[in-house]
């Protein structure tokens, strides 16, 4: 992911696609504190693409450490 891409804000559908899960699973992850909180701008709810990427990298590192 380039610097430009990492600064993007993505929708819940895009976040779910990046994680390979459903939209409902993203919301459950947010509610449980597993996934980062979204950014709310006006009526929009978005996630930082870099935070989603960091979450994925962290999960990979935890998998390798186990």
PDB file of N, CA and C in Angstrom:
ATOM      1  N   UNK A   1       0.852  -1.179   0.000  1.00  0.00           N
ATOM      2  CA  UNK A   1       0.000   0.000   0.000  1.00  0.00           C
ATOM      3  C   UNK A   1       0.898   1.242   0.000  1.00  0.00           C
ATOM      4  N   UNK A   2       0.683   2.144  -0.916  1.00  0.00           N
ATOM      5  CA  UNK A   2       1.491   3.352  -1.004  1.00  0.00           C
ATOM      6  C   UNK A   2       1.023   4.378   0.017  1.00  0.00           C
ATOM      7  N   UNK A   3       1.830   5.417   0.221  1.00  0.00           N
ATOM      8  CA  UNK A   3       1.473   6.487   1.159  1.00  0.00           C
ATOM      9  C   UNK A   3       0.135   7.092   0.782  1.00  0.00           C
ATOM     10  N   UNK A   4      -0.065   7.322  -0.504  1.00  0.00           N
ATOM     11  CA  UNK A   4      -1.327   7.914  -0.963  1.00  0.00           C
ATOM     12  C   UNK A   4      -2.499   7.002  -0.618  1.00  0.00           C
ATOM     13  N   UNK A   5      -2.352   5.692  -0.856  1.00  0.00           N
ATOM     14  CA  UNK A   5      -3.413   4.742  -0.548  1.00  0.00           C
ATOM     15  C   UNK A   5      -3.659   4.639   0.943  1.00  0.00           C
ATOM     16  N   UNK A   6      -2.594   4.711   1.748  1.00  0.00           N
ATOM     17  CA  UNK A   6      -2.750   4.533   3.184  1.00  0.00           C
ATOM     18  C   UNK A   6      -3.484   5.706   3.829  1.00  0.00           C
ATOM     19  N   UNK A   7      -3.519   6.843   3.177  1.00  0.00           N
ATOM     20  CA  UNK A   7      -4.219   8.009   3.711  1.00  0.00           C
ATOM     21  C   UNK A   7      -5.698   8.015   3.320  1.00  0.00           C
ATOM     22  N   UNK A   8      -6.113   7.064   2.514  1.00  0.00           N
ATOM     23  CA  UNK A   8      -7.504   6.996   2.054  1.00  0.00           C
ATOM     24  C   UNK A   8      -8.422   6.619   3.199  1.00  0.00           C
ATOM     25  N   UNK A   9      -9.650   7.078   3.075  1.00  0.00           N
ATOM     26  CA  UNK A   9     -10.715   6.654   3.971  1.00  0.00           C
ATOM     27  C   UNK A   9     -11.599   5.710   3.186  1.00  0.00           C
ATOM     28  N   UNK A  10     -11.951   4.572   3.799  1.00  0.00           N
ATOM     29  CA  UNK A  10     -12.727   3.568   3.095  1.00  0.00           C
ATOM     30  C   UNK A  10     -14.045   3.301   3.820  1.00  0.00           C
ATOM     31  N   UNK A  11     -15.027   2.856   3.059  1.00  0.00           N
ATOM     32  CA  UNK A  11     -16.348   2.551   3.606  1.00  0.00           C
ATOM     33  C   UNK A  11     -16.317   1.220   4.348  1.00  0.00           C
ATOM     34  N   UNK A  12     -17.399   0.941   5.047  1.00  0.00           N
ATOM     35  CA  UNK A  12     -17.505  -0.333   5.762  1.00  0.00           C
ATOM     36  C   UNK A  12     -17.450  -1.500   4.776  1.00  0.00           C
ATOM     37  N   UNK A  13     -18.021  -1.335   3.603  1.00  0.00           N
ATOM     38  CA  UNK A  13     -17.958  -2.408   2.599  1.00  0.00           C
ATOM     39  C   UNK A  13     -16.528  -2.641   2.130  1.00  0.00           C
ATOM     40  N   UNK A  14     -15.787  -1.544   1.929  1.00  0.00           N
ATOM     41  CA  UNK A  14     -14.389  -1.680   1.521  1.00  0.00           C
ATOM     42  C   UNK A  14     -13.552  -2.313   2.630  1.00  0.00           C
ATOM     43  N   UNK A  15     -13.807  -1.918   3.872  1.00  0.00           N
ATOM     44  CA  UNK A  15     -13.092  -2.500   5.015  1.00  0.00           C
ATOM     45  C   UNK A  15     -13.394  -3.993   5.104  1.00  0.00           C
ATOM     46  N   UNK A  16     -14.657  -4.351   4.946  1.00  0.00           N
ATOM     47  CA  UNK A  16     -15.050  -5.764   4.987  1.00  0.00           C
ATOM     48  C   UNK A  16     -14.379  -6.543   3.862  1.00  0.00           C
ATOM     49  N   UNK A  17     -14.311  -5.961   2.684  1.00  0.00           N
ATOM     50  CA  UNK A  17     -13.664  -6.632   1.549  1.00  0.00           C
ATOM     51  C   UNK A  17     -12.176  -6.838   1.825  1.00  0.00           C
ATOM     52  N   UNK A  18     -11.520  -5.836   2.399  1.00  0.00           N
ATOM     53  CA  UNK A  18     -10.091  -5.954   2.707  1.00  0.00           C
ATOM     54  C   UNK A  18      -9.841  -7.043   3.744  1.00  0.00           C
ATOM     55  N   UNK A  19     -10.789  -7.209   4.662  1.00  0.00           N
ATOM     56  CA  UNK A  19     -10.657  -8.204   5.721  1.00  0.00           C
ATOM     57  C   UNK A  19     -11.208  -9.569   5.323  1.00  0.00           C
ATOM     58  N   UNK A  20     -11.945  -9.607   4.218  1.00  0.00           N
ATOM     59  CA  UNK A  20     -12.536 -10.867   3.772  1.00  0.00           C
ATOM     60  C   UNK A  20     -13.656 -11.339   4.680  1.00  0.00           C
ATOM     61  N   UNK A  21     -14.453 -10.385   5.150  1.00  0.00           N
ATOM     62  CA  UNK A  21     -15.557 -10.730   6.044  1.00  0.00           C
ATOM     63  C   UNK A  21     -16.798  -9.930   5.656  1.00  0.00           C
ATOM     64  N   UNK A  22     -17.857 -10.114   6.397  1.00  0.00           N
ATOM     65  CA  UNK A  22     -19.092  -9.385   6.121  1.00  0.00           C
ATOM     66  C   UNK A  22     -19.084  -8.021   6.793  1.00  0.00           C
ATOM     67  N   UNK A  23     -19.984  -7.170   6.342  1.00  0.00           N
ATOM     68  CA  UNK A  23     -20.160  -5.853   6.952  1.00  0.00           C
ATOM     69  C   UNK A  23     -20.542  -6.013   8.426  1.00  0.00           C
ATOM     70  N   UNK A  24     -21.413  -6.967   8.718  1.00  0.00           N
ATOM     71  CA  UNK A  24     -21.829  -7.200  10.104  1.00  0.00           C
ATOM     72  C   UNK A  24     -20.640  -7.594  10.981  1.00  0.00           C
ATOM     73  N   UNK A  25     -19.725  -8.364  10.435  1.00  0.00           N
ATOM     74  CA  UNK A  25     -18.539  -8.770  11.195  1.00  0.00           C
ATOM     75  C   UNK A  25     -17.656  -7.569  11.497  1.00  0.00           C
ATOM     76  N   UNK A  26     -17.552  -6.642  10.563  1.00  0.00           N
ATOM     77  CA  UNK A  26     -16.779  -5.413  10.818  1.00  0.00           C
ATOM     78  C   UNK A  26     -17.403  -4.673  11.998  1.00  0.00           C
ATOM     79  N   UNK A  27     -18.712  -4.497  11.974  1.00  0.00           N
ATOM     80  CA  UNK A  27     -19.375  -3.774  13.062  1.00  0.00           C
ATOM     81  C   UNK A  27     -19.230  -4.504  14.389  1.00  0.00           C
ATOM     82  N   UNK A  28     -19.279  -5.839  14.384  1.00  0.00           N
ATOM     83  CA  UNK A  28     -19.070  -6.600  15.625  1.00  0.00           C
ATOM     84  C   UNK A  28     -17.648  -6.393  16.136  1.00  0.00           C
ATOM     85  N   UNK A  29     -16.686  -6.353  15.232  1.00  0.00           N
ATOM     86  CA  UNK A  29     -15.295  -6.117  15.618  1.00  0.00           C
ATOM     87  C   UNK A  29     -15.094  -4.739  16.227  1.00  0.00           C
ATOM     88  N   UNK A  30     -15.772  -3.749  15.682  1.00  0.00           N
ATOM     89  CA  UNK A  30     -15.700  -2.391  16.234  1.00  0.00           C
ATOM     90  C   UNK A  30     -16.323  -2.377  17.632  1.00  0.00           C
ATOM     91  N   UNK A  31     -17.494  -3.006  17.769  1.00  0.00           N
ATOM     92  CA  UNK A  31     -18.196  -3.023  19.057  1.00  0.00           C
ATOM     93  C   UNK A  31     -17.383  -3.727  20.134  1.00  0.00           C
ATOM     94  N   UNK A  32     -16.654  -4.775  19.751  1.00  0.00           N
ATOM     95  CA  UNK A  32     -15.870  -5.523  20.736  1.00  0.00           C
ATOM     96  C   UNK A  32     -14.501  -4.905  20.995  1.00  0.00           C
ATOM     97  N   UNK A  33     -14.115  -3.933  20.182  1.00  0.00           N
ATOM     98  CA  UNK A  33     -12.813  -3.294  20.337  1.00  0.00           C
ATOM     99  C   UNK A  33     -11.699  -3.992  19.576  1.00  0.00           C
ATOM    100  N   UNK A  34     -12.041  -5.013  18.809  1.00  0.00           N
ATOM    101  CA  UNK A  34     -11.049  -5.732  18.018  1.00  0.00           C
ATOM    102  C   UNK A  34     -10.578  -4.904  16.828  1.00  0.00           C
ATOM    103  N   UNK A  35     -11.509  -4.251  16.168  1.00  0.00           N
ATOM    104  CA  UNK A  35     -11.197  -3.406  15.014  1.00  0.00           C
ATOM    105  C   UNK A  35     -11.193  -1.941  15.426  1.00  0.00           C
ATOM    106  N   UNK A  36     -10.442  -1.106  14.691  1.00  0.00           N
ATOM    107  CA  UNK A  36     -10.391   0.321  15.037  1.00  0.00           C
ATOM    108  C   UNK A  36     -11.750   1.008  14.868  1.00  0.00           C
ATOM    109  N   UNK A  37     -11.964   2.030  15.668  1.00  0.00           N
ATOM    110  CA  UNK A  37     -13.181   2.828  15.562  1.00  0.00           C
ATOM    111  C   UNK A  37     -13.176   3.584  14.228  1.00  0.00           C
ATOM    112  N   UNK A  38     -14.337   3.762  13.634  1.00  0.00           N
ATOM    113  CA  UNK A  38     -14.409   4.523  12.377  1.00  0.00           C
ATOM    114  C   UNK A  38     -14.303   6.024  12.632  1.00  0.00           C
ATOM    115  N   UNK A  39     -14.094   6.723  11.558  1.00  0.00           N
ATOM    116  CA  UNK A  39     -14.072   8.196  11.558  1.00  0.00           C
ATOM    117  C   UNK A  39     -15.420   8.639  11.014  1.00  0.00           C
ATOM    118  N   UNK A  40     -16.078   9.507  11.722  1.00  0.00           N
ATOM    119  CA  UNK A  40     -17.381   9.998  11.261  1.00  0.00           C
ATOM    120  C   UNK A  40     -17.216  11.428  10.761  1.00  0.00           C
ATOM    121  N   UNK A  41     -17.617  11.633   9.510  1.00  0.00           N
ATOM    122  CA  UNK A  41     -17.538  12.946   8.869  1.00  0.00           C
ATOM    123  C   UNK A  41     -18.917  13.243   8.313  1.00  0.00           C
ATOM    124  N   UNK A  42     -19.603  14.172   8.936  1.00  0.00           N
ATOM    125  CA  UNK A  42     -20.971  14.449   8.517  1.00  0.00           C
ATOM    126  C   UNK A  42     -21.792  13.187   8.667  1.00  0.00           C
ATOM    127  N   UNK A  43     -22.454  12.768   7.612  1.00  0.00           N
ATOM    128  CA  UNK A  43     -23.252  11.558   7.631  1.00  0.00           C
ATOM    129  C   UNK A  43     -22.488  10.323   7.198  1.00  0.00           C
ATOM    130  N   UNK A  44     -21.186  10.452   6.961  1.00  0.00           N
ATOM    131  CA  UNK A  44     -20.380   9.325   6.483  1.00  0.00           C
ATOM    132  C   UNK A  44     -19.648   8.650   7.632  1.00  0.00           C
ATOM    133  N   UNK A  45     -19.459   7.366   7.493  1.00  0.00           N
ATOM    134  CA  UNK A  45     -18.642   6.595   8.427  1.00  0.00           C
ATOM    135  C   UNK A  45     -17.566   5.915   7.599  1.00  0.00           C
ATOM    136  N   UNK A  46     -16.317   6.199   7.939  1.00  0.00           N
ATOM    137  CA  UNK A  46     -15.200   5.682   7.157  1.00  0.00           C
ATOM    138  C   UNK A  46     -14.088   5.194   8.080  1.00  0.00           C
ATOM    139  N   UNK A  47     -13.241   4.323   7.542  1.00  0.00           N
ATOM    140  CA  UNK A  47     -12.069   3.835   8.252  1.00  0.00           C
ATOM    141  C   UNK A  47     -10.828   4.282   7.505  1.00  0.00           C
ATOM    142  N   UNK A  48      -9.773   4.503   8.244  1.00  0.00           N
ATOM    143  CA  UNK A  48      -8.484   4.799   7.644  1.00  0.00           C
ATOM    144  C   UNK A  48      -7.948   3.511   7.033  1.00  0.00           C
ATOM    145  N   UNK A  49      -7.612   3.558   5.759  1.00  0.00           N
ATOM    146  CA  UNK A  49      -7.077   2.371   5.087  1.00  0.00           C
ATOM    147  C   UNK A  49      -5.791   1.911   5.760  1.00  0.00           C
ATOM    148  N   UNK A  50      -4.999   2.847   6.267  1.00  0.00           N
ATOM    149  CA  UNK A  50      -3.748   2.463   6.931  1.00  0.00           C
ATOM    150  C   UNK A  50      -4.019   1.740   8.249  1.00  0.00           C
ATOM    151  N   UNK A  51      -5.090   2.102   8.959  1.00  0.00           N
ATOM    152  CA  UNK A  51      -5.427   1.407  10.201  1.00  0.00           C
ATOM    153  C   UNK A  51      -5.913  -0.011   9.916  1.00  0.00           C
ATOM    154  N   UNK A  52      -6.669  -0.183   8.844  1.00  0.00           N
ATOM    155  CA  UNK A  52      -7.116  -1.524   8.464  1.00  0.00           C
ATOM    156  C   UNK A  52      -5.904  -2.371   8.068  1.00  0.00           C
ATOM    157  N   UNK A  53      -4.990  -1.788   7.300  1.00  0.00           N
ATOM    158  CA  UNK A  53      -3.782  -2.513   6.893  1.00  0.00           C
ATOM    159  C   UNK A  53      -2.932  -2.869   8.112  1.00  0.00           C
ATOM    160  N   UNK A  54      -2.820  -1.960   9.069  1.00  0.00           N
ATOM    161  CA  UNK A  54      -2.051  -2.219  10.295  1.00  0.00           C
ATOM    162  C   UNK A  54      -2.697  -3.344  11.105  1.00  0.00           C
ATOM    163  N   UNK A  55      -4.033  -3.366  11.147  1.00  0.00           N
ATOM    164  CA  UNK A  55      -4.741  -4.437  11.845  1.00  0.00           C
ATOM    165  C   UNK A  55      -4.412  -5.787  11.210  1.00  0.00           C
ATOM    166  N   UNK A  56      -4.417  -5.846   9.900  1.00  0.00           N
ATOM    167  CA  UNK A  56      -4.116  -7.089   9.184  1.00  0.00           C
ATOM    168  C   UNK A  56      -2.676  -7.518   9.462  1.00  0.00           C
ATOM    169  N   UNK A  57      -1.740  -6.578   9.409  1.00  0.00           N
ATOM    170  CA  UNK A  57      -0.330  -6.903   9.665  1.00  0.00           C
ATOM    171  C   UNK A  57      -0.138  -7.383  11.096  1.00  0.00           C
ATOM    172  N   UNK A  58      -0.827  -6.776  12.040  1.00  0.00           N
ATOM    173  CA  UNK A  58      -0.754  -7.195  13.441  1.00  0.00           C
ATOM    174  C   UNK A  58      -1.279  -8.613  13.604  1.00  0.00           C
ATOM    175  N   UNK A  59      -2.383  -8.912  12.941  1.00  0.00           N
ATOM    176  CA  UNK A  59      -2.947 -10.267  13.005  1.00  0.00           C
ATOM    177  C   UNK A  59      -1.980 -11.284  12.423  1.00  0.00           C
ATOM    178  N   UNK A  60      -1.290 -10.922  11.342  1.00  0.00           N
ATOM    179  CA  UNK A  60      -0.291 -11.815  10.751  1.00  0.00           C
ATOM    180  C   UNK A  60       0.849 -12.067  11.728  1.00  0.00           C
ATOM    181  N   UNK A  61       1.334 -11.000  12.365  1.00  0.00           N
ATOM    182  CA  UNK A  61       2.446 -11.126  13.311  1.00  0.00           C
ATOM    183  C   UNK A  61       2.034 -11.993  14.498  1.00  0.00           C
ATOM    184  N   UNK A  62       0.818 -11.826  14.989  1.00  0.00           N
ATOM    185  CA  UNK A  62       0.348 -12.623  16.108  1.00  0.00           C
ATOM    186  C   UNK A  62       0.204 -14.085  15.717  1.00  0.00           C
ATOM    187  N   UNK A  63      -0.189 -14.325  14.492  1.00  0.00           N
ATOM    188  CA  UNK A  63      -0.311 -15.694  13.994  1.00  0.00           C
ATOM    189  C   UNK A  63       1.050 -16.375  13.947  1.00  0.00           C
ATOM    190  N   UNK A  64       2.049 -15.638  13.486  1.00  0.00           N
ATOM    191  CA  UNK A  64       3.388 -16.200  13.342  1.00  0.00           C
ATOM    192  C   UNK A  64       4.046 -16.437  14.696  1.00  0.00           C
ATOM    193  N   UNK A  65       3.691 -15.615  15.693  1.00  0.00           N
ATOM    194  CA  UNK A  65       4.276 -15.736  17.016  1.00  0.00           C
ATOM    195  C   UNK A  65       3.684 -16.901  17.801  1.00  0.00           C
ATOM    196  N   UNK A  66       2.498 -17.324  17.418  1.00  0.00           N
ATOM    197  CA  UNK A  66       1.811 -18.390  18.186  1.00  0.00           C
ATOM    198  C   UNK A  66       2.317 -19.758  17.851  1.00  0.00           C
TER     199      UNK A  66
END
